[in-house]
Amino acid sequence: MAQLAGELHDLLALPVEEPDYAVGLAELGLEVAPPAPLSIVGWLVELARAAGRH
């Protein structure tokens, strides 16, 4: 879980726009919409936090 949290933080540190995150996630096979009311970036932040807690 720590590695996943680190990878998510590294991903979020990249200088890309929100649509680019969507493309990257789709290429990884994660073609799902984030839960409302989160944006893609907001969802990634929450995933990184959750992974860091476990």
Protein backbone atom coordinates (compact mmCIF):
# COMPACT_ATOMS: atom_id res chain seq x y z
CA MET A 1 0.00 0.00 0.00
CA ALA A 2 2.86 2.36 0.73
CA GLN A 3 4.19 1.88 -2.79
CA LEU A 4 0.75 2.60 -4.26
CA ALA A 5 0.48 5.77 -2.17
CA GLY A 6 3.92 6.86 -3.36
CA GLU A 7 3.08 6.15 -6.99
CA LEU A 8 -0.13 8.16 -6.73
CA HIS A 9 1.71 11.09 -5.14
CA ASP A 10 4.32 10.92 -7.93
CA LEU A 11 1.54 10.87 -10.53
CA LEU A 12 -0.12 13.89 -8.96
CA ALA A 13 3.18 15.78 -8.95
CA LEU A 14 3.40 15.63 -12.75
CA PRO A 15 2.67 18.89 -14.58
CA VAL A 16 -0.38 17.67 -16.49
CA GLU A 17 -3.96 18.85 -16.84
CA GLU A 18 -7.07 16.98 -15.69
CA PRO A 19 -7.88 15.49 -19.14
CA ASP A 20 -4.37 14.01 -19.28
CA TYR A 21 -5.00 12.15 -16.02
CA ALA A 22 -8.18 10.71 -17.56
CA VAL A 23 -6.23 9.48 -20.60
CA GLY A 24 -3.53 7.98 -18.40
CA LEU A 25 -6.03 6.18 -16.21
CA ALA A 26 -7.87 4.86 -19.27
CA GLU A 27 -4.60 3.51 -20.65
CA LEU A 28 -4.14 1.65 -17.36
CA GLY A 29 -7.61 0.14 -17.75
CA LEU A 30 -9.20 2.35 -15.10
CA GLU A 31 -12.02 3.60 -17.26
CA VAL A 32 -14.34 4.51 -14.42
CA ALA A 33 -15.77 7.84 -13.41
CA PRO A 34 -14.75 9.19 -10.03
CA PRO A 35 -17.47 9.17 -7.40
CA ALA A 36 -19.48 12.39 -7.17
CA PRO A 37 -18.63 15.12 -6.33
CA LEU A 38 -14.91 14.39 -6.92
CA SER A 39 -12.97 15.31 -10.04
CA ILE A 40 -10.39 12.88 -11.39
CA VAL A 41 -7.61 14.71 -9.54
CA GLY A 42 -9.68 14.89 -6.37
CA TRP A 43 -10.32 11.17 -6.58
CA LEU A 44 -6.61 10.42 -7.05
CA VAL A 45 -5.81 12.56 -4.02
CA GLU A 46 -8.35 10.63 -1.94
CA LEU A 47 -6.98 7.30 -3.20
CA ALA A 48 -3.44 8.37 -2.28
CA ARG A 49 -4.60 9.38 1.22
CA ALA A 50 -6.47 6.10 1.72
CA ALA A 51 -3.52 4.03 0.51
CA GLY A 52 -1.21 5.97 2.81
CA ARG A 53 -3.37 5.13 5.82
CA HIS A 54 -3.17 1.36 5.23
